[in-house]
Amino acid sequence: MATWSELRKLVRWLFRRPEPPPTPGTGQQYQTREQAEAQRRLLDQAKRLRDTQWHRGSTQIAPTMPMAPGRRAGYGTRGHR
């Protein structure tokens, strides 16, 4: 029983002690570090996307479709025939 009493006193003493405040500038240090890591991740992702075969491949121009006689390509809309 004496052990339980001593343990209870110790726990009460620990909970009464105030937690010391963080040193000034700690939050700014964390924020700066997190921003640098996020920027590095974004740059790595952009580099990976640039290096993919899809991005490096040249674009192909679609072959031109023959136009019906009397039609002009690229002029007018469906309503203007």
N, C-alpha and C. Protein backbone atom coordinates (compact mmCIF):
# COMPACT_ATOMS: atom_id res chain seq x y z
N MET A 1 0.81 -1.18 0.00
CA MET A 1 0.00 0.00 0.00
C MET A 1 0.86 1.25 0.00
N ALA A 2 2.02 1.19 0.66
CA ALA A 2 2.91 2.36 0.72
C ALA A 2 3.44 2.69 -0.67
N THR A 3 3.68 1.67 -1.46
CA THR A 3 4.17 1.89 -2.82
C THR A 3 3.13 2.62 -3.64
N TRP A 4 1.88 2.21 -3.50
CA TRP A 4 0.79 2.86 -4.24
C TRP A 4 0.67 4.33 -3.85
N SER A 5 0.82 4.61 -2.58
CA SER A 5 0.73 5.97 -2.09
C SER A 5 1.87 6.82 -2.65
N GLU A 6 3.06 6.27 -2.66
CA GLU A 6 4.21 6.99 -3.19
C GLU A 6 4.07 7.23 -4.70
N LEU A 7 3.57 6.24 -5.40
CA LEU A 7 3.36 6.36 -6.84
C LEU A 7 2.33 7.45 -7.14
N ARG A 8 1.27 7.47 -6.32
CA ARG A 8 0.24 8.50 -6.51
C ARG A 8 0.80 9.89 -6.26
N LYS A 9 1.62 10.05 -5.24
CA LYS A 9 2.25 11.34 -4.97
C LYS A 9 3.14 11.76 -6.13
N LEU A 10 3.89 10.82 -6.67
CA LEU A 10 4.79 11.12 -7.78
C LEU A 10 4.00 11.57 -9.02
N VAL A 11 2.92 10.87 -9.32
CA VAL A 11 2.10 11.23 -10.49
C VAL A 11 1.48 12.60 -10.29
N ARG A 12 0.96 12.89 -9.12
CA ARG A 12 0.38 14.21 -8.84
C ARG A 12 1.43 15.30 -8.97
N TRP A 13 2.64 15.04 -8.51
CA TRP A 13 3.72 16.01 -8.61
C TRP A 13 4.09 16.26 -10.07
N LEU A 14 4.14 15.19 -10.85
CA LEU A 14 4.49 15.34 -12.27
C LEU A 14 3.43 16.15 -13.02
N PHE A 15 2.17 15.92 -12.72
CA PHE A 15 1.11 16.65 -13.42
C PHE A 15 1.02 18.11 -12.99
N ARG A 16 1.50 18.44 -11.81
CA ARG A 16 1.45 19.82 -11.34
C ARG A 16 2.56 20.66 -11.94
N ARG A 17 3.63 20.05 -12.39
CA ARG A 17 4.75 20.81 -12.95
C ARG A 17 4.33 21.39 -14.29
N PRO A 18 4.49 22.68 -14.49
CA PRO A 18 4.14 23.27 -15.78
C PRO A 18 5.17 22.88 -16.85
N GLU A 19 4.67 22.71 -18.03
CA GLU A 19 5.57 22.37 -19.14
C GLU A 19 6.27 23.65 -19.58
N PRO A 20 7.58 23.61 -19.73
CA PRO A 20 8.27 24.84 -20.11
C PRO A 20 7.87 25.27 -21.53
N PRO A 21 7.75 26.57 -21.75
CA PRO A 21 7.36 27.03 -23.08
C PRO A 21 8.48 26.76 -24.09
N PRO A 22 8.13 26.58 -25.35
CA PRO A 22 9.18 26.36 -26.35
C PRO A 22 10.04 27.61 -26.52
N THR A 23 11.24 27.39 -26.96
CA THR A 23 12.14 28.53 -27.16
C THR A 23 11.61 29.42 -28.28
N PRO A 24 11.85 30.71 -28.21
CA PRO A 24 11.36 31.61 -29.25
C PRO A 24 11.92 31.24 -30.63
N GLY A 25 11.06 31.28 -31.62
CA GLY A 25 11.48 30.97 -32.99
C GLY A 25 11.34 29.51 -33.37
N THR A 26 10.92 28.66 -32.43
CA THR A 26 10.80 27.24 -32.74
C THR A 26 9.76 27.00 -33.81
N GLY A 27 8.61 27.65 -33.71
CA GLY A 27 7.56 27.46 -34.70
C GLY A 27 8.00 27.90 -36.08
N GLN A 28 8.73 29.01 -36.15
CA GLN A 28 9.23 29.49 -37.44
C GLN A 28 10.21 28.49 -38.04
N GLN A 29 11.04 27.88 -37.20
CA GLN A 29 12.00 26.88 -37.68
C GLN A 29 11.26 25.68 -38.27
N TYR A 30 10.22 25.21 -37.57
CA TYR A 30 9.44 24.08 -38.09
C TYR A 30 8.79 24.44 -39.41
N GLN A 31 8.20 25.64 -39.49
CA GLN A 31 7.51 26.06 -40.70
C GLN A 31 8.48 26.18 -41.87
N THR A 32 9.64 26.75 -41.62
CA THR A 32 10.65 26.88 -42.68
C THR A 32 11.10 25.52 -43.18
N ARG A 33 11.31 24.60 -42.26
CA ARG A 33 11.74 23.24 -42.64
C ARG A 33 10.65 22.54 -43.45
N GLU A 34 9.39 22.65 -43.01
CA GLU A 34 8.30 22.00 -43.73
C GLU A 34 8.11 22.61 -45.12
N GLN A 35 8.26 23.93 -45.24
CA GLN A 35 8.13 24.56 -46.56
C GLN A 35 9.24 24.10 -47.50
N ALA A 36 10.46 23.97 -46.98
CA ALA A 36 11.58 23.51 -47.80
C ALA A 36 11.35 22.07 -48.27
N GLU A 37 10.84 21.22 -47.39
CA GLU A 37 10.56 19.83 -47.76
C GLU A 37 9.44 19.76 -48.80
N ALA A 38 8.41 20.57 -48.63
CA ALA A 38 7.30 20.57 -49.60
C ALA A 38 7.78 21.07 -50.96
N GLN A 39 8.62 22.09 -50.96
CA GLN A 39 9.15 22.60 -52.23
C GLN A 39 10.01 21.54 -52.91
N ARG A 40 10.83 20.84 -52.13
CA ARG A 40 11.67 19.79 -52.70
C ARG A 40 10.83 18.68 -53.30
N ARG A 41 9.75 18.30 -52.60
CA ARG A 41 8.86 17.25 -53.13
C ARG A 41 8.21 17.69 -54.44
N LEU A 42 7.76 18.95 -54.49
CA LEU A 42 7.13 19.44 -55.72
C LEU A 42 8.12 19.49 -56.88
N LEU A 43 9.35 19.93 -56.60
CA LEU A 43 10.35 19.97 -57.66
C LEU A 43 10.73 18.57 -58.13
N ASP A 44 10.82 17.62 -57.20
CA ASP A 44 11.11 16.23 -57.58
C ASP A 44 9.99 15.67 -58.45
N GLN A 45 8.76 15.95 -58.07
CA GLN A 45 7.62 15.46 -58.84
C GLN A 45 7.61 16.08 -60.23
N ALA A 46 7.89 17.38 -60.33
CA ALA A 46 7.92 18.05 -61.63
C ALA A 46 9.03 17.47 -62.50
N LYS A 47 10.18 17.17 -61.90
CA LYS A 47 11.28 16.57 -62.66
C LYS A 47 10.89 15.20 -63.17
N ARG A 48 10.26 14.40 -62.31
CA ARG A 48 9.82 13.06 -62.76
C ARG A 48 8.84 13.17 -63.91
N LEU A 49 7.92 14.13 -63.83
CA LEU A 49 6.94 14.29 -64.90
C LEU A 49 7.60 14.76 -66.19
N ARG A 50 8.61 15.62 -66.08
CA ARG A 50 9.32 16.08 -67.28
C ARG A 50 10.08 14.94 -67.93
N ASP A 51 10.56 14.00 -67.11
CA ASP A 51 11.38 12.91 -67.64
C ASP A 51 10.56 11.74 -68.17
N THR A 52 9.27 11.78 -68.04
CA THR A 52 8.47 10.66 -68.54
C THR A 52 8.46 10.64 -70.05
N GLN A 53 8.28 9.47 -70.61
CA GLN A 53 8.27 9.30 -72.06
C GLN A 53 7.15 10.11 -72.69
N TRP A 54 6.01 10.20 -72.01
CA TRP A 54 4.87 10.93 -72.56
C TRP A 54 5.23 12.39 -72.79
N HIS A 55 5.94 12.97 -71.86
CA HIS A 55 6.26 14.39 -71.96
C HIS A 55 7.36 14.64 -72.99
N ARG A 56 8.32 13.73 -73.08
CA ARG A 56 9.44 13.94 -73.99
C ARG A 56 9.09 13.62 -75.43
N GLY A 57 8.05 12.83 -75.65
CA GLY A 57 7.70 12.45 -77.01
C GLY A 57 7.22 13.64 -77.82
N SER A 58 7.56 13.62 -79.11
CA SER A 58 7.13 14.73 -79.96
C SER A 58 5.65 14.56 -80.29
N THR A 59 5.00 15.66 -80.54
CA THR A 59 3.59 15.60 -80.90
C THR A 59 3.46 15.30 -82.37
N GLN A 60 2.44 14.57 -82.71
CA GLN A 60 2.21 14.22 -84.10
C GLN A 60 1.03 15.03 -84.61
N ILE A 61 1.19 15.56 -85.79
CA ILE A 61 0.11 16.32 -86.40
C ILE A 61 -0.82 15.32 -87.11
N ALA A 62 -2.09 15.47 -86.86
CA ALA A 62 -3.06 14.57 -87.48
C ALA A 62 -3.10 14.83 -88.98
N PRO A 63 -3.27 13.77 -89.76
CA PRO A 63 -3.35 13.97 -91.21
C PRO A 63 -4.58 14.81 -91.55
N THR A 64 -4.45 15.60 -92.60
CA THR A 64 -5.57 16.46 -92.99
C THR A 64 -6.65 15.62 -93.64
N MET A 65 -7.85 15.98 -93.37
CA MET A 65 -9.00 15.26 -93.93
C MET A 65 -9.38 15.92 -95.25
N PRO A 66 -9.68 15.15 -96.26
CA PRO A 66 -10.10 15.76 -97.52
C PRO A 66 -11.43 16.47 -97.32
N MET A 67 -11.53 17.64 -97.90
CA MET A 67 -12.74 18.45 -97.78
C MET A 67 -13.67 18.15 -98.94
N ALA A 68 -14.94 18.26 -98.67
CA ALA A 68 -15.93 18.08 -99.73
C ALA A 68 -15.82 19.26 -100.71
N PRO A 69 -16.11 19.04 -101.97
CA PRO A 69 -16.01 20.14 -102.93
C PRO A 69 -16.90 21.31 -102.52
N GLY A 70 -16.36 22.52 -102.61
CA GLY A 70 -17.12 23.71 -102.29
C GLY A 70 -17.10 24.10 -100.83
N ARG A 71 -16.46 23.31 -99.94
CA ARG A 71 -16.40 23.64 -98.51
C ARG A 71 -15.09 24.32 -98.21
N ARG A 72 -15.13 25.28 -97.34
CA ARG A 72 -13.90 25.95 -96.93
C ARG A 72 -13.58 25.50 -95.51
N ALA A 73 -12.38 25.14 -95.31
CA ALA A 73 -11.97 24.62 -94.00
C ALA A 73 -11.89 25.74 -92.97
N GLY A 74 -12.42 25.49 -91.80
CA GLY A 74 -12.27 26.40 -90.68
C GLY A 74 -13.19 27.59 -90.68
N TYR A 75 -14.11 27.72 -91.59
CA TYR A 75 -15.00 28.87 -91.60
C TYR A 75 -16.41 28.47 -91.23
N GLY A 76 -17.05 29.30 -90.45
CA GLY A 76 -18.45 29.07 -90.11
C GLY A 76 -18.62 28.07 -89.00
N THR A 77 -19.86 27.95 -88.55
CA THR A 77 -20.21 26.99 -87.52
C THR A 77 -21.35 26.14 -88.05
N ARG A 78 -21.85 25.28 -87.22
CA ARG A 78 -22.95 24.41 -87.65
C ARG A 78 -24.16 25.21 -88.12
N GLY A 79 -24.41 26.31 -87.45
CA GLY A 79 -25.58 27.12 -87.80
C GLY A 79 -25.39 27.95 -89.06
N HIS A 80 -24.16 28.10 -89.48
CA HIS A 80 -23.87 28.95 -90.65
C HIS A 80 -23.34 28.08 -91.79
N ARG A 81 -24.25 27.52 -92.55
CA ARG A 81 -23.81 26.67 -93.67
C ARG A 81 -24.01 27.36 -94.95
